C-alpha atoms as a PDB file:
ATOM      1  CA  MET A   1     -63.272 -94.914 113.351  1.00  0.00           C
ATOM      2  CA  SER A   2     -64.303 -98.573 113.101  1.00  0.00           C
ATOM      3  CA  LYS A   3     -63.969-100.262 109.749  1.00  0.00           C
ATOM      4  CA  ARG A   4     -67.060-101.290 107.852  1.00  0.00           C
ATOM      5  CA  VAL A   5     -67.597-104.968 107.069  1.00  0.00           C
ATOM      6  CA  ALA A   6     -70.437-106.054 104.772  1.00  0.00           C
ATOM      7  CA  VAL A   7     -71.697-109.607 105.299  1.00  0.00           C
ATOM      8  CA  VAL A   8     -73.670-110.650 102.232  1.00  0.00           C
ATOM      9  CA  VAL A   9     -76.797-112.713 102.931  1.00  0.00           C
ATOM     10  CA  PHE A  10     -78.136-115.059 100.243  1.00  0.00           C
ATOM     11  CA  PRO A  11     -81.284-117.180 100.419  1.00  0.00           C
ATOM     12  CA  GLY A  12     -79.995-120.244 102.258  1.00  0.00           C
ATOM     13  CA  SER A  13     -77.100-118.564 104.069  1.00  0.00           C
ATOM     14  CA  ASN A  14     -76.899-119.924 107.604  1.00  0.00           C
ATOM     15  CA  CYS A  15     -73.586-118.644 108.937  1.00  0.00           C
ATOM     16  CA  ASP A  16     -74.233-114.941 108.359  1.00  0.00           C
ATOM     17  CA  ALA A  17     -75.195-114.183 111.986  1.00  0.00           C
ATOM     18  CA  ASP A  18     -72.071-115.921 113.341  1.00  0.00           C
ATOM     19  CA  THR A  19     -69.881-114.118 110.812  1.00  0.00           C
ATOM     20  CA  LEU A  20     -71.486-110.790 111.645  1.00  0.00           C
ATOM     21  CA  ALA A  21     -70.929-111.361 115.366  1.00  0.00           C
ATOM     22  CA  ALA A  22     -67.283-112.393 114.829  1.00  0.00           C
ATOM     23  CA  ALA A  23     -66.559-109.275 112.770  1.00  0.00           C
ATOM     24  CA  GLN A  24     -68.274-107.049 115.338  1.00  0.00           C
ATOM     25  CA  ALA A  25     -66.375-108.691 118.207  1.00  0.00           C
ATOM     26  CA  ALA A  26     -63.135-107.800 116.412  1.00  0.00           C
ATOM     27  CA  GLY A  27     -64.096-104.122 116.621  1.00  0.00           C
ATOM     28  CA  SER A  28     -65.587-103.527 113.187  1.00  0.00           C
ATOM     29  CA  ASP A  29     -68.843-101.895 112.165  1.00  0.00           C
ATOM     30  CA  ALA A  30     -70.303-105.019 110.573  1.00  0.00           C
ATOM     31  CA  PHE A  31     -73.699-105.087 108.883  1.00  0.00           C
ATOM     32  CA  PRO A  32     -75.707-107.424 106.624  1.00  0.00           C
ATOM     33  CA  VAL A  33     -76.271-106.784 102.921  1.00  0.00           C
ATOM     34  CA  TRP A  34     -79.119-108.627 101.187  1.00  0.00           C
ATOM     35  CA  HIS A  35     -78.244-110.432  97.956  1.00  0.00           C
ATOM     36  CA  ARG A  36     -80.605-108.241  95.921  1.00  0.00           C
ATOM     37  CA  ASP A  37     -78.873-105.045  97.034  1.00  0.00           C
ATOM     38  CA  THR A  38     -76.391-103.460  94.673  1.00  0.00           C
ATOM     39  CA  ASP A  39     -74.838-101.081  97.221  1.00  0.00           C
ATOM     40  CA  LEU A  40     -72.214-102.332  99.654  1.00  0.00           C
ATOM     41  CA  LYS A  41     -72.693 -99.184 101.775  1.00  0.00           C
ATOM     42  CA  GLN A  42     -69.075 -98.081 101.601  1.00  0.00           C
ATOM     43  CA  ALA A  43     -67.783-101.345 103.049  1.00  0.00           C
ATOM     44  CA  ASP A  44     -64.054-101.706 103.598  1.00  0.00           C
ATOM     45  CA  VAL A  45     -64.306-105.498 103.677  1.00  0.00           C
ATOM     46  CA  VAL A  46     -66.871-107.839 102.101  1.00  0.00           C
ATOM     47  CA  ILE A  47     -67.554-111.320 103.463  1.00  0.00           C
ATOM     48  CA  LEU A  48     -69.579-114.037 101.747  1.00  0.00           C
ATOM     49  CA  PRO A  49     -70.570-116.411 104.582  1.00  0.00           C
ATOM     50  CA  GLY A  50     -71.227-120.119 104.673  1.00  0.00           C
ATOM     51  CA  GLY A  51     -74.500-121.915 104.156  1.00  0.00           C
ATOM     52  CA  PHE A  52     -76.419-123.370 101.250  1.00  0.00           C
ATOM     53  CA  SER A  53     -77.174-120.433  98.951  1.00  0.00           C
ATOM     54  CA  TYR A  54     -80.242-121.199  96.840  1.00  0.00           C
ATOM     55  CA  GLY A  55     -80.294-124.656  98.413  1.00  0.00           C
ATOM     56  CA  ASP A  56     -77.112-125.576  96.489  1.00  0.00           C
ATOM     57  CA  TYR A  57     -79.346-126.311  93.508  1.00  0.00           C
ATOM     58  CA  LEU A  58     -77.528-126.988  90.227  1.00  0.00           C
ATOM     59  CA  ARG A  59     -74.121-126.706  91.927  1.00  0.00           C
ATOM     60  CA  SER A  60     -72.885-125.054  95.127  1.00  0.00           C
ATOM     61  CA  GLY A  61     -72.564-121.319  94.518  1.00  0.00           C
ATOM     62  CA  ALA A  62     -73.600-121.526  90.871  1.00  0.00           C
ATOM     63  CA  ILE A  63     -76.855-119.581  91.266  1.00  0.00           C
ATOM     64  CA  ALA A  64     -75.632-117.140  93.927  1.00  0.00           C
ATOM     65  CA  ARG A  65     -72.898-116.112  91.513  1.00  0.00           C
ATOM     66  CA  PHE A  66     -75.610-114.308  89.493  1.00  0.00           C
ATOM     67  CA  SER A  67     -77.192-112.454  92.434  1.00  0.00           C
ATOM     68  CA  PRO A  68     -77.361-108.664  91.865  1.00  0.00           C
ATOM     69  CA  VAL A  69     -74.966-107.985  94.764  1.00  0.00           C
ATOM     70  CA  MET A  70     -72.171-109.871  93.025  1.00  0.00           C
ATOM     71  CA  ARG A  71     -71.591-107.016  90.572  1.00  0.00           C
ATOM     72  CA  ALA A  72     -70.758-104.797  93.530  1.00  0.00           C
ATOM     73  CA  VAL A  73     -68.597-107.532  95.073  1.00  0.00           C
ATOM     74  CA  GLU A  74     -66.685-107.934  91.820  1.00  0.00           C
ATOM     75  CA  ALA A  75     -66.200-104.154  91.561  1.00  0.00           C
ATOM     76  CA  HIS A  76     -64.983-104.019  95.169  1.00  0.00           C
ATOM     77  CA  ALA A  77     -62.462-106.788  94.485  1.00  0.00           C
ATOM     78  CA  SER A  78     -61.328-105.183  91.229  1.00  0.00           C
ATOM     79  CA  ALA A  79     -60.630-101.955  93.105  1.00  0.00           C
ATOM     80  CA  GLY A  80     -58.415-103.849  95.541  1.00  0.00           C
ATOM     81  CA  GLY A  81     -60.888-104.167  98.393  1.00  0.00           C
ATOM     82  CA  PRO A  82     -60.604-107.288 100.564  1.00  0.00           C
ATOM     83  CA  VAL A  83     -63.178-110.012  99.928  1.00  0.00           C
ATOM     84  CA  LEU A  84     -63.450-113.124 102.082  1.00  0.00           C
ATOM     85  CA  GLY A  85     -65.514-116.162 101.116  1.00  0.00           C
ATOM     86  CA  ILE A  86     -66.079-118.782 103.813  1.00  0.00           C
ATOM     87  CA  CYS A  87     -67.232-122.297 102.812  1.00  0.00           C
ATOM     88  CA  ASN A  88     -70.216-121.598 100.520  1.00  0.00           C
ATOM     89  CA  GLY A  89     -68.729-118.134 100.032  1.00  0.00           C
ATOM     90  CA  PHE A  90     -65.556-119.805  98.725  1.00  0.00           C
ATOM     91  CA  GLN A  91     -67.679-121.822  96.304  1.00  0.00           C
ATOM     92  CA  ILE A  92     -69.409-118.643  95.112  1.00  0.00           C
ATOM     93  CA  LEU A  93     -66.094-116.867  94.534  1.00  0.00           C
ATOM     94  CA  CYS A  94     -64.850-119.775  92.421  1.00  0.00           C
ATOM     95  CA  GLU A  95     -68.079-119.822  90.406  1.00  0.00           C
ATOM     96  CA  ALA A  96     -67.711-116.057  89.859  1.00  0.00           C
ATOM     97  CA  GLU A  97     -64.112-116.656  88.703  1.00  0.00           C
ATOM     98  CA  LEU A  98     -62.790-114.314  91.367  1.00  0.00           C
ATOM     99  CA  LEU A  99     -60.698-117.280  92.475  1.00  0.00           C
ATOM    100  CA  PRO A 100     -59.246-120.149  90.423  1.00  0.00           C
ATOM    101  CA  GLY A 101     -60.328-123.760  90.764  1.00  0.00           C
ATOM    102  CA  ILE A 102     -63.488-125.481  91.888  1.00  0.00           C
ATOM    103  CA  LEU A 103     -64.820-127.265  94.977  1.00  0.00           C
ATOM    104  CA  LEU A 104     -65.746-130.871  94.246  1.00  0.00           C
ATOM    105  CA  ARG A 105     -67.632-133.402  96.319  1.00  0.00           C
ATOM    106  CA  ASN A 106     -65.610-134.601  99.287  1.00  0.00           C
ATOM    107  CA  ALA A 107     -63.491-137.627  98.424  1.00  0.00           C
ATOM    108  CA  SER A 108     -65.463-139.628 100.975  1.00  0.00           C
ATOM    109  CA  VAL A 109     -68.719-138.586  99.254  1.00  0.00           C
ATOM    110  CA  LYS A 110     -69.961-137.754 102.760  1.00  0.00           C
ATOM    111  CA  PHE A 111     -70.787-134.505 104.524  1.00  0.00           C
ATOM    112  CA  VAL A 112     -67.946-133.726 106.937  1.00  0.00           C
ATOM    113  CA  CYS A 113     -68.510-131.818 110.188  1.00  0.00           C
ATOM    114  CA  ARG A 114     -65.538-131.775 112.566  1.00  0.00           C
ATOM    115  CA  ASP A 115     -62.620-129.734 113.805  1.00  0.00           C
ATOM    116  CA  VAL A 116     -59.548-129.624 111.585  1.00  0.00           C
ATOM    117  CA  ARG A 117     -56.021-128.281 111.885  1.00  0.00           C
ATOM    118  CA  LEU A 118     -54.951-125.517 109.536  1.00  0.00           C
ATOM    119  CA  LYS A 119     -51.419-124.369 108.869  1.00  0.00           C
ATOM    120  CA  ILE A 120     -50.988-120.652 108.164  1.00  0.00           C
ATOM    121  CA  GLU A 121     -48.617-120.554 105.200  1.00  0.00           C
ATOM    122  CA  ARG A 122     -47.872-116.820 105.390  1.00  0.00           C
ATOM    123  CA  SER A 123     -48.747-113.952 107.715  1.00  0.00           C
ATOM    124  CA  ASP A 124     -48.094-110.953 105.469  1.00  0.00           C
ATOM    125  CA  THR A 125     -51.645-110.643 104.128  1.00  0.00           C
ATOM    126  CA  PRO A 126     -54.618-108.682 105.515  1.00  0.00           C
ATOM    127  CA  PHE A 127     -56.306-112.008 106.278  1.00  0.00           C
ATOM    128  CA  THR A 128     -53.464-113.563 108.287  1.00  0.00           C
ATOM    129  CA  ARG A 129     -51.687-110.695 110.001  1.00  0.00           C
ATOM    130  CA  GLY A 130     -53.361-111.903 113.208  1.00  0.00           C
ATOM    131  CA  TYR A 131     -51.329-115.133 113.018  1.00  0.00           C
ATOM    132  CA  ASN A 132     -47.712-116.206 112.607  1.00  0.00           C
ATOM    133  CA  ALA A 133     -46.452-117.949 109.489  1.00  0.00           C
ATOM    134  CA  GLY A 134     -46.283-121.664 110.192  1.00  0.00           C
ATOM    135  CA  GLN A 135     -48.790-121.461 113.038  1.00  0.00           C
ATOM    136  CA  VAL A 136     -51.331-124.278 113.269  1.00  0.00           C
ATOM    137  CA  ILE A 137     -54.856-123.392 114.368  1.00  0.00           C
ATOM    138  CA  ARG A 138     -57.982-125.430 115.084  1.00  0.00           C
ATOM    139  CA  VAL A 139     -61.275-124.544 113.418  1.00  0.00           C
ATOM    140  CA  PRO A 140     -64.331-126.535 112.293  1.00  0.00           C
ATOM    141  CA  VAL A 141     -65.458-127.591 108.833  1.00  0.00           C
ATOM    142  CA  ALA A 142     -69.000-128.411 107.756  1.00  0.00           C
ATOM    143  CA  HIS A 143     -69.348-129.185 104.068  1.00  0.00           C
ATOM    144  CA  GLY A 144     -70.115-131.795 101.458  1.00  0.00           C
ATOM    145  CA  GLU A 145     -68.247-130.102  98.594  1.00  0.00           C
ATOM    146  CA  GLY A 146     -64.934-128.846  99.919  1.00  0.00           C
ATOM    147  CA  ASN A 147     -62.526-130.858  97.804  1.00  0.00           C
ATOM    148  CA  TYR A 148     -60.436-128.113  96.176  1.00  0.00           C
ATOM    149  CA  PHE A 149     -59.329-128.936  92.648  1.00  0.00           C
ATOM    150  CA  ALA A 150     -57.564-127.006  89.895  1.00  0.00           C
ATOM    151  CA  SER A 151     -55.443-127.921  86.906  1.00  0.00           C
ATOM    152  CA  GLU A 152     -51.864-128.946  87.520  1.00  0.00           C
ATOM    153  CA  GLY A 153     -50.644-125.690  86.012  1.00  0.00           C
ATOM    154  CA  THR A 154     -52.959-123.582  88.157  1.00  0.00           C
ATOM    155  CA  VAL A 155     -51.975-125.399  91.336  1.00  0.00           C
ATOM    156  CA  GLY A 156     -48.324-124.962  90.399  1.00  0.00           C
ATOM    157  CA  ARG A 157     -48.808-121.201  90.038  1.00  0.00           C
ATOM    158  CA  LEU A 158     -50.706-120.966  93.318  1.00  0.00           C
ATOM    159  CA  GLU A 159     -47.887-122.733  95.120  1.00  0.00           C
ATOM    160  CA  ALA A 160     -45.091-120.814  93.386  1.00  0.00           C
ATOM    161  CA  GLU A 161     -46.750-117.430  93.997  1.00  0.00           C
ATOM    162  CA  GLY A 162     -47.523-118.096  97.646  1.00  0.00           C
ATOM    163  CA  ARG A 163     -51.262-118.014  97.077  1.00  0.00           C
ATOM    164  CA  VAL A 164     -52.064-121.104  99.140  1.00  0.00           C
ATOM    165  CA  LEU A 165     -52.825-119.403 102.454  1.00  0.00           C
ATOM    166  CA  PHE A 166     -54.320-122.226 104.536  1.00  0.00           C
ATOM    167  CA  ARG A 167     -53.564-125.935 104.371  1.00  0.00           C
ATOM    168  CA  TYR A 168     -54.995-128.990 106.145  1.00  0.00           C
ATOM    169  CA  THR A 169     -52.271-130.559 108.295  1.00  0.00           C
ATOM    170  CA  ASP A 170     -51.814-132.495 111.505  1.00  0.00           C
ATOM    171  CA  ALA A 171     -51.273-130.703 114.820  1.00  0.00           C
ATOM    172  CA  GLU A 172     -47.545-130.293 114.042  1.00  0.00           C
ATOM    173  CA  GLY A 173     -48.171-128.665 110.665  1.00  0.00           C
ATOM    174  CA  LYS A 174     -47.279-131.701 108.565  1.00  0.00           C
ATOM    175  CA  ARG A 175     -49.380-132.896 105.676  1.00  0.00           C
ATOM    176  CA  ASP A 176     -51.251-136.049 106.598  1.00  0.00           C
ATOM    177  CA  ALA A 177     -53.903-137.753 104.495  1.00  0.00           C
ATOM    178  CA  ASN A 178     -55.865-138.447 107.666  1.00  0.00           C
ATOM    179  CA  TRP A 179     -56.244-134.714 108.250  1.00  0.00           C
ATOM    180  CA  ASN A 180     -57.059-133.826 104.638  1.00  0.00           C
ATOM    181  CA  VAL A 181     -60.753-134.210 105.424  1.00  0.00           C
ATOM    182  CA  ASN A 182     -62.095-133.724 101.899  1.00  0.00           C
ATOM    183  CA  GLY A 183     -59.272-134.909  99.639  1.00  0.00           C
ATOM    184  CA  ALA A 184     -58.306-131.420  98.481  1.00  0.00           C
ATOM    185  CA  THR A 185     -55.396-131.133  96.051  1.00  0.00           C
ATOM    186  CA  ASN A 186     -52.180-130.467  98.010  1.00  0.00           C
ATOM    187  CA  SER A 187     -54.352-130.311 101.160  1.00  0.00           C
ATOM    188  CA  ILE A 188     -55.453-126.816 100.132  1.00  0.00           C
ATOM    189  CA  ALA A 189     -57.976-125.218 102.485  1.00  0.00           C
ATOM    190  CA  GLY A 190     -57.736-121.593 101.356  1.00  0.00           C
ATOM    191  CA  VAL A 191     -56.393-119.694  98.343  1.00  0.00           C
ATOM    192  CA  LEU A 192     -55.798-116.097  97.263  1.00  0.00           C
ATOM    193  CA  ASN A 193     -56.324-114.337  93.965  1.00  0.00           C
ATOM    194  CA  GLU A 194     -53.423-112.776  92.052  1.00  0.00           C
ATOM    195  CA  LYS A 195     -53.743-109.411  93.820  1.00  0.00           C
ATOM    196  CA  LEU A 196     -53.896-111.161  97.218  1.00  0.00           C
ATOM    197  CA  ASN A 197     -57.076-109.290  98.193  1.00  0.00           C
ATOM    198  CA  VAL A 198     -59.606-112.096  97.652  1.00  0.00           C
ATOM    199  CA  LEU A 199     -59.518-115.156  99.890  1.00  0.00           C
ATOM    200  CA  GLY A 200     -61.577-118.312  99.719  1.00  0.00           C
ATOM    201  CA  LEU A 201     -61.488-120.455 102.855  1.00  0.00           C
ATOM    202  CA  MET A 202     -63.362-123.722 103.368  1.00  0.00           C
ATOM    203  CA  PRO A 203     -63.268-124.017 107.191  1.00  0.00           C
ATOM    204  CA  HIS A 204     -65.277-121.740 109.508  1.00  0.00           C
ATOM    205  CA  PRO A 205     -63.136-119.398 111.659  1.00  0.00           C
ATOM    206  CA  GLU A 206     -66.291-117.556 112.767  1.00  0.00           C
ATOM    207  CA  ASN A 207     -67.320-120.615 114.773  1.00  0.00           C
ATOM    208  CA  HIS A 208     -64.181-120.559 116.933  1.00  0.00           C
ATOM    209  CA  VAL A 209     -64.324-117.044 118.315  1.00  0.00           C
ATOM    210  CA  GLU A 210     -66.288-117.279 121.573  1.00  0.00           C
ATOM    211  CA  ASN A 211     -64.713-118.577 124.787  1.00  0.00           C
ATOM    212  CA  ALA A 212     -67.849-120.623 125.401  1.00  0.00           C
ATOM    213  CA  VAL A 213     -67.034-123.008 122.537  1.00  0.00           C
ATOM    214  CA  GLY A 214     -63.661-123.861 124.051  1.00  0.00           C
ATOM    215  CA  CYS A 215     -61.437-122.557 121.234  1.00  0.00           C
ATOM    216  CA  THR A 216     -60.831-119.032 119.934  1.00  0.00           C
ATOM    217  CA  ASP A 217     -58.377-119.729 117.111  1.00  0.00           C
ATOM    218  CA  GLY A 218     -60.667-118.044 114.581  1.00  0.00           C
ATOM    219  CA  ARG A 219     -60.318-114.636 116.203  1.00  0.00           C
ATOM    220  CA  GLY A 220     -57.027-113.926 114.504  1.00  0.00           C
ATOM    221  CA  LEU A 221     -58.547-113.690 111.054  1.00  0.00           C
ATOM    222  CA  PHE A 222     -61.163-111.096 111.981  1.00  0.00           C
ATOM    223  CA  ALA A 223     -58.900-109.176 114.350  1.00  0.00           C
ATOM    224  CA  GLY A 224     -56.166-109.108 111.723  1.00  0.00           C
ATOM    225  CA  LEU A 225     -58.457-107.633 109.101  1.00  0.00           C
ATOM    226  CA  VAL A 226     -59.568-104.856 111.439  1.00  0.00           C
ATOM    227  CA  ALA A 227     -55.977-104.180 112.526  1.00  0.00           C
ATOM    228  CA  HIS A 228     -54.885-104.021 108.878  1.00  0.00           C
ATOM    229  CA  PHE A 229     -57.240-101.132 108.223  1.00  0.00           C
ATOM    230  CA  ALA A 230     -56.462 -99.419 111.520  1.00  0.00           C
ATOM    231  CA  GLN A 231     -52.780 -99.343 110.560  1.00  0.00           C
ATOM    232  CA  ALA A 232     -53.594 -98.144 107.034  1.00  0.00           C
ATOM    233  CA  ALA A 233     -55.586 -95.244 108.483  1.00  0.00           C
END
């Protein structure tokens, strides 16, 4: 039985179709859920895709955080269900306090759209079982507010507890300011919550899934999630 993946669609989402296709290609039963819905339709996994929810008015993710569907997302996360927020979805999860920290304007104060290198810090999570710890993958970013920031104490806890899951590095997996495209603290590209079931990720793995784009490094995330549930069953 294929696992059910709910892709939440907000007004202004623009990566929902790509995310849906990536989840389906991995073998899941993926379907969209409108932001006004309060039923996740028995989803095993919930994904908040990238885009510009509510036009990024006020602050990225600040309005979407109050959409009716977020109560169901919060309940799903509280019950231990996996939740993935990509780019704007990451911003929404931080605004909803499902993840610590905030996403500030890029240090360059410019919108950045390019491929980046990401180091997988650990592979023993549902989100990274499709990769090896220490592996470096190539995926694109497209954001103006991806500069991850948290207090020194919070960042210290994230590092000590192994909750930094993805990090901007060079092709060899070394930290390099030239590859930290937005100025994120400690080159952080993705973080986990305390229970390790909620992930916020700034880059877009869903855009590096098809052979036609020349790179398929994003497949591992979606395939790993589906495989995680297949093994659990």
